[in-house]
Amino acid sequence: MPGKRLPKPLERKALAAAGVDPIIAQLRAARLAREISQTEIAELLGLEKHAQFSVLERGHRNPRLDSLRKWADVLGFDLALVPRSVVEPVAVEGREP
């Protein structure tokens, strides 16, 4: 869509290099693509301060599973376990597939 800011490949690589989990990086990319601010998503997740969300999004703290599910839901995603035999492993920079 015109005017939508999509995450740059360098931003994704920087997140991977910083040790940010690929799931978190994908959720961040989805938030940016939908032009939702950290403040807005923090409110949707019931966090008192957007700084709490920023810490999660930068990979400085791991979210609880229920928080991760809610975060994904707000952005229109479902979290699911998929057998490895169904999908090809994807190499993430610095990690084995």
PDB file of N, CA and C in Angstrom:
ATOM      1  N   MET A   1       0.840  -1.184   0.000  1.00  0.00           N
ATOM      2  CA  MET A   1       0.000   0.000   0.000  1.00  0.00           C
ATOM      3  C   MET A   1       0.878   1.237   0.000  1.00  0.00           C
ATOM      4  N   PRO A   2       0.471   2.255  -0.726  1.00  0.00           N
ATOM      5  CA  PRO A   2       1.268   3.468  -0.744  1.00  0.00           C
ATOM      6  C   PRO A   2       1.355   4.082   0.644  1.00  0.00           C
ATOM      7  N   GLY A   3       2.526   4.576   0.960  1.00  0.00           N
ATOM      8  CA  GLY A   3       2.713   5.247   2.234  1.00  0.00           C
ATOM      9  C   GLY A   3       3.010   4.324   3.403  1.00  0.00           C
ATOM     10  N   LYS A   4       2.891   2.999   3.197  1.00  0.00           N
ATOM     11  CA  LYS A   4       3.180   2.057   4.274  1.00  0.00           C
ATOM     12  C   LYS A   4       4.686   1.891   4.397  1.00  0.00           C
ATOM     13  N   ARG A   5       5.177   1.944   5.608  1.00  0.00           N
ATOM     14  CA  ARG A   5       6.606   1.758   5.848  1.00  0.00           C
ATOM     15  C   ARG A   5       6.853   0.282   6.102  1.00  0.00           C
ATOM     16  N   LEU A   6       7.548  -0.352   5.190  1.00  0.00           N
ATOM     17  CA  LEU A   6       7.884  -1.753   5.360  1.00  0.00           C
ATOM     18  C   LEU A   6       9.271  -1.862   5.980  1.00  0.00           C
ATOM     19  N   PRO A   7       9.471  -2.854   6.834  1.00  0.00           N
ATOM     20  CA  PRO A   7      10.782  -3.008   7.448  1.00  0.00           C
ATOM     21  C   PRO A   7      11.840  -3.297   6.394  1.00  0.00           C
ATOM     22  N   LYS A   8      12.944  -2.658   6.524  1.00  0.00           N
ATOM     23  CA  LYS A   8      14.040  -2.835   5.583  1.00  0.00           C
ATOM     24  C   LYS A   8      14.792  -4.123   5.912  1.00  0.00           C
ATOM     25  N   PRO A   9      15.346  -4.789   4.879  1.00  0.00           N
ATOM     26  CA  PRO A   9      16.122  -6.005   5.140  1.00  0.00           C
ATOM     27  C   PRO A   9      17.240  -5.772   6.152  1.00  0.00           C
ATOM     28  N   LEU A  10      17.848  -4.593   6.126  1.00  0.00           N
ATOM     29  CA  LEU A  10      18.917  -4.316   7.089  1.00  0.00           C
ATOM     30  C   LEU A  10      18.386  -4.285   8.515  1.00  0.00           C
ATOM     31  N   GLU A  11      17.156  -3.795   8.703  1.00  0.00           N
ATOM     32  CA  GLU A  11      16.567  -3.789  10.043  1.00  0.00           C
ATOM     33  C   GLU A  11      16.364  -5.218  10.530  1.00  0.00           C
ATOM     34  N   ARG A  12      15.874  -6.102   9.650  1.00  0.00           N
ATOM     35  CA  ARG A  12      15.664  -7.498  10.030  1.00  0.00           C
ATOM     36  C   ARG A  12      16.994  -8.165  10.353  1.00  0.00           C
ATOM     37  N   LYS A  13      18.023  -7.888   9.554  1.00  0.00           N
ATOM     38  CA  LYS A  13      19.342  -8.473   9.819  1.00  0.00           C
ATOM     39  C   LYS A  13      19.907  -7.960  11.130  1.00  0.00           C
ATOM     40  N   ALA A  14      19.691  -6.676  11.413  1.00  0.00           N
ATOM     41  CA  ALA A  14      20.189  -6.106  12.668  1.00  0.00           C
ATOM     42  C   ALA A  14      19.495  -6.763  13.853  1.00  0.00           C
ATOM     43  N   LEU A  15      18.188  -7.016  13.738  1.00  0.00           N
ATOM     44  CA  LEU A  15      17.465  -7.688  14.815  1.00  0.00           C
ATOM     45  C   LEU A  15      17.999  -9.103  15.019  1.00  0.00           C
ATOM     46  N   ALA A  16      18.221  -9.818  13.918  1.00  0.00           N
ATOM     47  CA  ALA A  16      18.755 -11.180  14.018  1.00  0.00           C
ATOM     48  C   ALA A  16      20.146 -11.163  14.638  1.00  0.00           C
ATOM     49  N   ALA A  17      20.967 -10.209  14.214  1.00  0.00           N
ATOM     50  CA  ALA A  17      22.324 -10.099  14.755  1.00  0.00           C
ATOM     51  C   ALA A  17      22.307  -9.760  16.240  1.00  0.00           C
ATOM     52  N   ALA A  18      21.286  -9.035  16.660  1.00  0.00           N
ATOM     53  CA  ALA A  18      21.169  -8.658  18.071  1.00  0.00           C
ATOM     54  C   ALA A  18      20.588  -9.798  18.904  1.00  0.00           C
ATOM     55  N   GLY A  19      20.257 -10.912  18.256  1.00  0.00           N
ATOM     56  CA  GLY A  19      19.742 -12.063  18.981  1.00  0.00           C
ATOM     57  C   GLY A  19      18.242 -12.020  19.214  1.00  0.00           C
ATOM     58  N   VAL A  20      17.524 -11.169  18.479  1.00  0.00           N
ATOM     59  CA  VAL A  20      16.076 -11.091  18.629  1.00  0.00           C
ATOM     60  C   VAL A  20      15.466 -12.314  17.953  1.00  0.00           C
ATOM     61  N   ASP A  21      14.583 -12.997  18.653  1.00  0.00           N
ATOM     62  CA  ASP A  21      13.923 -14.189  18.146  1.00  0.00           C
ATOM     63  C   ASP A  21      13.204 -13.878  16.827  1.00  0.00           C
ATOM     64  N   PRO A  22      13.257 -14.790  15.858  1.00  0.00           N
ATOM     65  CA  PRO A  22      12.591 -14.549  14.574  1.00  0.00           C
ATOM     66  C   PRO A  22      11.088 -14.291  14.700  1.00  0.00           C
ATOM     67  N   ILE A  23      10.430 -14.892  15.668  1.00  0.00           N
ATOM     68  CA  ILE A  23       8.995 -14.642  15.862  1.00  0.00           C
ATOM     69  C   ILE A  23       8.777 -13.190  16.264  1.00  0.00           C
ATOM     70  N   ILE A  24       9.592 -12.703  17.181  1.00  0.00           N
ATOM     71  CA  ILE A  24       9.488 -11.309  17.628  1.00  0.00           C
ATOM     72  C   ILE A  24       9.781 -10.374  16.458  1.00  0.00           C
ATOM     73  N   ALA A  25      10.799 -10.703  15.665  1.00  0.00           N
ATOM     74  CA  ALA A  25      11.151  -9.874  14.508  1.00  0.00           C
ATOM     75  C   ALA A  25       9.993  -9.823  13.516  1.00  0.00           C
ATOM     76  N   GLN A  26       9.299 -10.944  13.304  1.00  0.00           N
ATOM     77  CA  GLN A  26       8.153 -10.960  12.396  1.00  0.00           C
ATOM     78  C   GLN A  26       7.000 -10.126  12.941  1.00  0.00           C
ATOM     79  N   LEU A  27       6.760 -10.213  14.241  1.00  0.00           N
ATOM     80  CA  LEU A  27       5.691  -9.414  14.838  1.00  0.00           C
ATOM     81  C   LEU A  27       6.020  -7.928  14.748  1.00  0.00           C
ATOM     82  N   ARG A  28       7.279  -7.585  14.931  1.00  0.00           N
ATOM     83  CA  ARG A  28       7.694  -6.184  14.801  1.00  0.00           C
ATOM     84  C   ARG A  28       7.475  -5.705  13.366  1.00  0.00           C
ATOM     85  N   ALA A  29       7.871  -6.545  12.390  1.00  0.00           N
ATOM     86  CA  ALA A  29       7.695  -6.191  10.986  1.00  0.00           C
ATOM     87  C   ALA A  29       6.212  -5.989  10.664  1.00  0.00           C
ATOM     88  N   ALA A  30       5.351  -6.838  11.223  1.00  0.00           N
ATOM     89  CA  ALA A  30       3.908  -6.716  10.993  1.00  0.00           C
ATOM     90  C   ALA A  30       3.375  -5.427  11.612  1.00  0.00           C
ATOM     91  N   ARG A  31       3.867  -5.082  12.799  1.00  0.00           N
ATOM     92  CA  ARG A  31       3.430  -3.835  13.448  1.00  0.00           C
ATOM     93  C   ARG A  31       3.814  -2.632  12.596  1.00  0.00           C
ATOM     94  N   LEU A  32       5.044  -2.617  12.110  1.00  0.00           N
ATOM     95  CA  LEU A  32       5.515  -1.505  11.286  1.00  0.00           C
ATOM     96  C   LEU A  32       4.740  -1.418   9.972  1.00  0.00           C
ATOM     97  N   ALA A  33       4.478  -2.566   9.345  1.00  0.00           N
ATOM     98  CA  ALA A  33       3.747  -2.580   8.085  1.00  0.00           C
ATOM     99  C   ALA A  33       2.319  -2.052   8.262  1.00  0.00           C
ATOM    100  N   ARG A  34       1.754  -2.260   9.440  1.00  0.00           N
ATOM    101  CA  ARG A  34       0.392  -1.780   9.718  1.00  0.00           C
ATOM    102  C   ARG A  34       0.386  -0.366  10.299  1.00  0.00           C
ATOM    103  N   GLU A  35       1.579   0.197  10.419  1.00  0.00           N
ATOM    104  CA  GLU A  35       1.744   1.557  10.962  1.00  0.00           C
ATOM    105  C   GLU A  35       1.096   1.717  12.341  1.00  0.00           C
ATOM    106  N   ILE A  36       1.327   0.733  13.204  1.00  0.00           N
ATOM    107  CA  ILE A  36       0.846   0.793  14.578  1.00  0.00           C
ATOM    108  C   ILE A  36       2.042   1.182  15.445  1.00  0.00           C
ATOM    109  N   SER A  37       1.881   2.199  16.257  1.00  0.00           N
ATOM    110  CA  SER A  37       2.984   2.646  17.110  1.00  0.00           C
ATOM    111  C   SER A  37       3.153   1.691  18.291  1.00  0.00           C
ATOM    112  N   GLN A  38       4.311   1.773  18.914  1.00  0.00           N
ATOM    113  CA  GLN A  38       4.541   0.976  20.120  1.00  0.00           C
ATOM    114  C   GLN A  38       3.551   1.375  21.213  1.00  0.00           C
ATOM    115  N   THR A  39       3.224   2.649  21.303  1.00  0.00           N
ATOM    116  CA  THR A  39       2.265   3.118  22.305  1.00  0.00           C
ATOM    117  C   THR A  39       0.895   2.493  22.051  1.00  0.00           C
ATOM    118  N   GLU A  40       0.465   2.493  20.780  1.00  0.00           N
ATOM    119  CA  GLU A  40      -0.846   1.925  20.447  1.00  0.00           C
ATOM    120  C   GLU A  40      -0.912   0.437  20.754  1.00  0.00           C
ATOM    121  N   ILE A  41       0.122  -0.295  20.370  1.00  0.00           N
ATOM    122  CA  ILE A  41       0.081  -1.740  20.601  1.00  0.00           C
ATOM    123  C   ILE A  41       0.206  -2.058  22.088  1.00  0.00           C
ATOM    124  N   ALA A  42       0.971  -1.263  22.808  1.00  0.00           N
ATOM    125  CA  ALA A  42       1.075  -1.462  24.254  1.00  0.00           C
ATOM    126  C   ALA A  42      -0.302  -1.317  24.899  1.00  0.00           C
ATOM    127  N   GLU A  43      -1.068  -0.321  24.462  1.00  0.00           N
ATOM    128  CA  GLU A  43      -2.429  -0.135  24.984  1.00  0.00           C
ATOM    129  C   GLU A  43      -3.309  -1.333  24.635  1.00  0.00           C
ATOM    130  N   LEU A  44      -3.214  -1.822  23.401  1.00  0.00           N
ATOM    131  CA  LEU A  44      -4.004  -2.984  22.979  1.00  0.00           C
ATOM    132  C   LEU A  44      -3.645  -4.236  23.778  1.00  0.00           C
ATOM    133  N   LEU A  45      -2.391  -4.327  24.200  1.00  0.00           N
ATOM    134  CA  LEU A  45      -1.934  -5.476  24.978  1.00  0.00           C
ATOM    135  C   LEU A  45      -2.166  -5.296  26.476  1.00  0.00           C
ATOM    136  N   GLY A  46      -2.638  -4.118  26.878  1.00  0.00           N
ATOM    137  CA  GLY A  46      -2.914  -3.874  28.286  1.00  0.00           C
ATOM    138  C   GLY A  46      -1.689  -3.523  29.112  1.00  0.00           C
ATOM    139  N   LEU A  47      -0.643  -3.036  28.447  1.00  0.00           N
ATOM    140  CA  LEU A  47       0.558  -2.617  29.173  1.00  0.00           C
ATOM    141  C   LEU A  47       0.398  -1.161  29.587  1.00  0.00           C
ATOM    142  N   GLU A  48       0.908  -0.829  30.741  1.00  0.00           N
ATOM    143  CA  GLU A  48       0.753   0.535  31.246  1.00  0.00           C
ATOM    144  C   GLU A  48       1.647   1.530  30.521  1.00  0.00           C
ATOM    145  N   LYS A  49       2.802   1.079  30.067  1.00  0.00           N
ATOM    146  CA  LYS A  49       3.753   1.978  29.410  1.00  0.00           C
ATOM    147  C   LYS A  49       4.263   1.333  28.135  1.00  0.00           C
ATOM    148  N   HIS A  50       4.463   2.154  27.102  1.00  0.00           N
ATOM    149  CA  HIS A  50       4.978   1.579  25.857  1.00  0.00           C
ATOM    150  C   HIS A  50       6.414   1.092  26.034  1.00  0.00           C
ATOM    151  N   ALA A  51       7.108   1.595  27.040  1.00  0.00           N
ATOM    152  CA  ALA A  51       8.477   1.148  27.292  1.00  0.00           C
ATOM    153  C   ALA A  51       8.509  -0.338  27.623  1.00  0.00           C
ATOM    154  N   GLN A  52       7.456  -0.842  28.282  1.00  0.00           N
ATOM    155  CA  GLN A  52       7.382  -2.273  28.578  1.00  0.00           C
ATOM    156  C   GLN A  52       7.340  -3.076  27.289  1.00  0.00           C
ATOM    157  N   PHE A  53       6.613  -2.567  26.302  1.00  0.00           N
ATOM    158  CA  PHE A  53       6.526  -3.252  25.016  1.00  0.00           C
ATOM    159  C   PHE A  53       7.850  -3.134  24.260  1.00  0.00           C
ATOM    160  N   SER A  54       8.458  -1.986  24.303  1.00  0.00           N
ATOM    161  CA  SER A  54       9.722  -1.764  23.610  1.00  0.00           C
ATOM    162  C   SER A  54      10.785  -2.765  24.070  1.00  0.00           C
ATOM    163  N   VAL A  55      10.816  -3.038  25.351  1.00  0.00           N
ATOM    164  CA  VAL A  55      11.777  -3.991  25.907  1.00  0.00           C
ATOM    165  C   VAL A  55      11.545  -5.383  25.314  1.00  0.00           C
ATOM    166  N   LEU A  56      10.275  -5.762  25.158  1.00  0.00           N
ATOM    167  CA  LEU A  56       9.943  -7.060  24.559  1.00  0.00           C
ATOM    168  C   LEU A  56      10.341  -7.090  23.086  1.00  0.00           C
ATOM    169  N   GLU A  57       9.982  -6.035  22.378  1.00  0.00           N
ATOM    170  CA  GLU A  57      10.203  -5.999  20.940  1.00  0.00           C
ATOM    171  C   GLU A  57      11.690  -5.978  20.579  1.00  0.00           C
ATOM    172  N   ARG A  58      12.514  -5.409  21.431  1.00  0.00           N
ATOM    173  CA  ARG A  58      13.964  -5.368  21.179  1.00  0.00           C
ATOM    174  C   ARG A  58      14.663  -6.637  21.644  1.00  0.00           C
ATOM    175  N   GLY A  59      13.895  -7.564  22.229  1.00  0.00           N
ATOM    176  CA  GLY A  59      14.474  -8.838  22.652  1.00  0.00           C
ATOM    177  C   GLY A  59      15.208  -8.787  23.966  1.00  0.00           C
ATOM    178  N   HIS A  60      14.977  -7.734  24.754  1.00  0.00           N
ATOM    179  CA  HIS A  60      15.651  -7.618  26.051  1.00  0.00           C
ATOM    180  C   HIS A  60      14.944  -8.417  27.143  1.00  0.00           C
ATOM    181  N   ARG A  61      13.710  -8.795  26.871  1.00  0.00           N
ATOM    182  CA  ARG A  61      12.942  -9.661  27.776  1.00  0.00           C
ATOM    183  C   ARG A  61      12.107 -10.595  26.925  1.00  0.00           C
ATOM    184  N   ASN A  62      11.914 -11.804  27.389  1.00  0.00           N
ATOM    185  CA  ASN A  62      11.072 -12.746  26.665  1.00  0.00           C
ATOM    186  C   ASN A  62       9.631 -12.605  27.142  1.00  0.00           C
ATOM    187  N   PRO A  63       8.695 -12.510  26.182  1.00  0.00           N
ATOM    188  CA  PRO A  63       7.300 -12.413  26.585  1.00  0.00           C
ATOM    189  C   PRO A  63       6.790 -13.763  27.087  1.00  0.00           C
ATOM    190  N   ARG A  64       5.800 -13.725  27.970  1.00  0.00           N
ATOM    191  CA  ARG A  64       5.130 -14.953  28.390  1.00  0.00           C
ATOM    192  C   ARG A  64       4.332 -15.462  27.197  1.00  0.00           C
ATOM    193  N   LEU A  65       4.026 -16.733  27.193  1.00  0.00           N
ATOM    194  CA  LEU A  65       3.310 -17.327  26.071  1.00  0.00           C
ATOM    195  C   LEU A  65       1.954 -16.666  25.859  1.00  0.00           C
ATOM    196  N   ASP A  66       1.223 -16.389  26.932  1.00  0.00           N
ATOM    197  CA  ASP A  66      -0.089 -15.745  26.769  1.00  0.00           C
ATOM    198  C   ASP A  66       0.054 -14.337  26.187  1.00  0.00           C
ATOM    199  N   SER A  67       1.110 -13.629  26.559  1.00  0.00           N
ATOM    200  CA  SER A  67       1.361 -12.296  25.996  1.00  0.00           C
ATOM    201  C   SER A  67       1.716 -12.391  24.517  1.00  0.00           C
ATOM    202  N   LEU A  68       2.519 -13.383  24.174  1.00  0.00           N
ATOM    203  CA  LEU A  68       2.915 -13.583  22.782  1.00  0.00           C
ATOM    204  C   LEU A  68       1.690 -13.915  21.926  1.00  0.00           C
ATOM    205  N   ARG A  69       0.807 -14.758  22.448  1.00  0.00           N
ATOM    206  CA  ARG A  69      -0.423 -15.094  21.716  1.00  0.00           C
ATOM    207  C   ARG A  69      -1.285 -13.848  21.493  1.00  0.00           C
ATOM    208  N   LYS A  70      -1.429 -13.028  22.528  1.00  0.00           N
ATOM    209  CA  LYS A  70      -2.243 -11.818  22.415  1.00  0.00           C
ATOM    210  C   LYS A  70      -1.614 -10.843  21.427  1.00  0.00           C
ATOM    211  N   TRP A  71      -0.307 -10.691  21.487  1.00  0.00           N
ATOM    212  CA  TRP A  71       0.437  -9.822  20.584  1.00  0.00           C
ATOM    213  C   TRP A  71       0.202 -10.262  19.141  1.00  0.00           C
ATOM    214  N   ALA A  72       0.340 -11.557  18.884  1.00  0.00           N
ATOM    215  CA  ALA A  72       0.115 -12.088  17.538  1.00  0.00           C
ATOM    216  C   ALA A  72      -1.332 -11.863  17.108  1.00  0.00           C
ATOM    217  N   ASP A  73      -2.269 -12.089  18.009  1.00  0.00           N
ATOM    218  CA  ASP A  73      -3.688 -11.927  17.700  1.00  0.00           C
ATOM    219  C   ASP A  73      -4.016 -10.486  17.310  1.00  0.00           C
ATOM    220  N   VAL A  74      -3.472  -9.529  18.050  1.00  0.00           N
ATOM    221  CA  VAL A  74      -3.708  -8.110  17.764  1.00  0.00           C
ATOM    222  C   VAL A  74      -3.254  -7.764  16.345  1.00  0.00           C
ATOM    223  N   LEU A  75      -2.206  -8.445  15.876  1.00  0.00           N
ATOM    224  CA  LEU A  75      -1.662  -8.174  14.546  1.00  0.00           C
ATOM    225  C   LEU A  75      -2.231  -9.101  13.466  1.00  0.00           C
ATOM    226  N   GLY A  76      -3.205  -9.940  13.852  1.00  0.00           N
ATOM    227  CA  GLY A  76      -3.850 -10.807  12.871  1.00  0.00           C
ATOM    228  C   GLY A  76      -3.135 -12.112  12.597  1.00  0.00           C
ATOM    229  N   PHE A  77      -2.344 -12.589  13.544  1.00  0.00           N
ATOM    230  CA  PHE A  77      -1.621 -13.850  13.397  1.00  0.00           C
ATOM    231  C   PHE A  77      -2.114 -14.864  14.422  1.00  0.00           C
ATOM    232  N   ASP A  78      -1.919 -16.136  14.094  1.00  0.00           N
ATOM    233  CA  ASP A  78      -2.104 -17.232  15.041  1.00  0.00           C
ATOM    234  C   ASP A  78      -0.733 -17.839  15.291  1.00  0.00           C
ATOM    235  N   LEU A  79      -0.479 -18.218  16.523  1.00  0.00           N
ATOM    236  CA  LEU A  79       0.743 -18.965  16.819  1.00  0.00           C
ATOM    237  C   LEU A  79       0.389 -20.440  16.716  1.00  0.00           C
ATOM    238  N   ALA A  80       1.230 -21.191  16.040  1.00  0.00           N
ATOM    239  CA  ALA A  80       0.953 -22.615  15.867  1.00  0.00           C
ATOM    240  C   ALA A  80       2.256 -23.391  15.782  1.00  0.00           C
ATOM    241  N   LEU A  81       2.210 -24.626  16.223  1.00  0.00           N
ATOM    242  CA  LEU A  81       3.331 -25.532  16.043  1.00  0.00           C
ATOM    243  C   LEU A  81       3.117 -26.254  14.724  1.00  0.00           C
ATOM    244  N   VAL A  82       4.138 -26.268  13.902  1.00  0.00           N
ATOM    245  CA  VAL A  82       4.056 -26.915  12.608  1.00  0.00           C
ATOM    246  C   VAL A  82       5.143 -27.981  12.553  1.00  0.00           C
ATOM    247  N   PRO A  83       4.771 -29.212  12.248  1.00  0.00           N
ATOM    248  CA  PRO A  83       5.805 -30.258  12.171  1.00  0.00           C
ATOM    249  C   PRO A  83       6.881 -29.885  11.162  1.00  0.00           C
ATOM    250  N   ARG A  84       8.113 -30.170  11.490  1.00  0.00           N
ATOM    251  CA  ARG A  84       9.224 -29.837  10.606  1.00  0.00           C
ATOM    252  C   ARG A  84       9.089 -30.489   9.239  1.00  0.00           C
ATOM    253  N   SER A  85       8.445 -31.638   9.181  1.00  0.00           N
ATOM    254  CA  SER A  85       8.301 -32.329   7.904  1.00  0.00           C
ATOM    255  C   SER A  85       7.363 -31.584   6.954  1.00  0.00           C
ATOM    256  N   VAL A  86       6.596 -30.627   7.472  1.00  0.00           N
ATOM    257  CA  VAL A  86       5.632 -29.889   6.658  1.00  0.00           C
ATOM    258  C   VAL A  86       6.275 -28.687   5.974  1.00  0.00           C
ATOM    259  N   VAL A  87       7.242 -28.071   6.631  1.00  0.00           N
ATOM    260  CA  VAL A  87       7.881 -26.879   6.078  1.00  0.00           C
ATOM    261  C   VAL A  87       9.385 -27.077   6.017  1.00  0.00           C
ATOM    262  N   GLU A  88       9.987 -26.415   5.053  1.00  0.00           N
ATOM    263  CA  GLU A  88      11.435 -26.435   4.943  1.00  0.00           C
ATOM    264  C   GLU A  88      12.022 -25.563   6.041  1.00  0.00           C
ATOM    265  N   PRO A  89      13.081 -26.011   6.700  1.00  0.00           N
ATOM    266  CA  PRO A  89      13.724 -25.154   7.701  1.00  0.00           C
ATOM    267  C   PRO A  89      14.281 -23.900   7.039  1.00  0.00           C
ATOM    268  N   VAL A  90      14.168 -22.800   7.737  1.00  0.00           N
ATOM    269  CA  VAL A  90      14.670 -21.524   7.244  1.00  0.00           C
ATOM    270  C   VAL A  90      15.875 -21.141   8.084  1.00  0.00           C
ATOM    271  N   ALA A  91      16.979 -20.878   7.415  1.00  0.00           N
ATOM    272  CA  ALA A  91      18.184 -20.473   8.132  1.00  0.00           C
ATOM    273  C   ALA A  91      18.029 -19.027   8.581  1.00  0.00           C
ATOM    274  N   VAL A  92      18.345 -18.782   9.819  1.00  0.00           N
ATOM    275  CA  VAL A  92      18.367 -17.440  10.371  1.00  0.00           C
ATOM    276  C   VAL A  92      19.829 -17.136  10.626  1.00  0.00           C
ATOM    277  N   GLU A  93      20.238 -15.955  10.236  1.00  0.00           N
ATOM    278  CA  GLU A  93      21.645 -15.576  10.356  1.00  0.00           C
ATOM    279  C   GLU A  93      22.161 -15.883  11.758  1.00  0.00           C
ATOM    280  N   GLY A  94      23.212 -16.672  11.818  1.00  0.00           N
ATOM    281  CA  GLY A  94      23.833 -17.006  13.086  1.00  0.00           C
ATOM    282  C   GLY A  94      23.222 -18.219  13.768  1.00  0.00           C
ATOM    283  N   ARG A  95      22.220 -18.863  13.141  1.00  0.00           N
ATOM    284  CA  ARG A  95      21.578 -20.039  13.745  1.00  0.00           C
ATOM    285  C   ARG A  95      21.452 -21.142  12.702  1.00  0.00           C
ATOM    286  N   GLU A  96      21.502 -22.369  13.162  1.00  0.00           N
ATOM    287  CA  GLU A  96      21.299 -23.512  12.278  1.00  0.00           C
ATOM    288  C   GLU A  96      19.809 -23.692  12.032  1.00  0.00           C
ATOM    289  N   PRO A  97      19.421 -24.133  10.818  1.00  0.00           N
ATOM    290  CA  PRO A  97      17.995 -24.390  10.545  1.00  0.00           C
ATOM    291  C   PRO A  97      17.500 -25.610  11.298  1.00  0.00           C
TER     292      PRO A  97
END
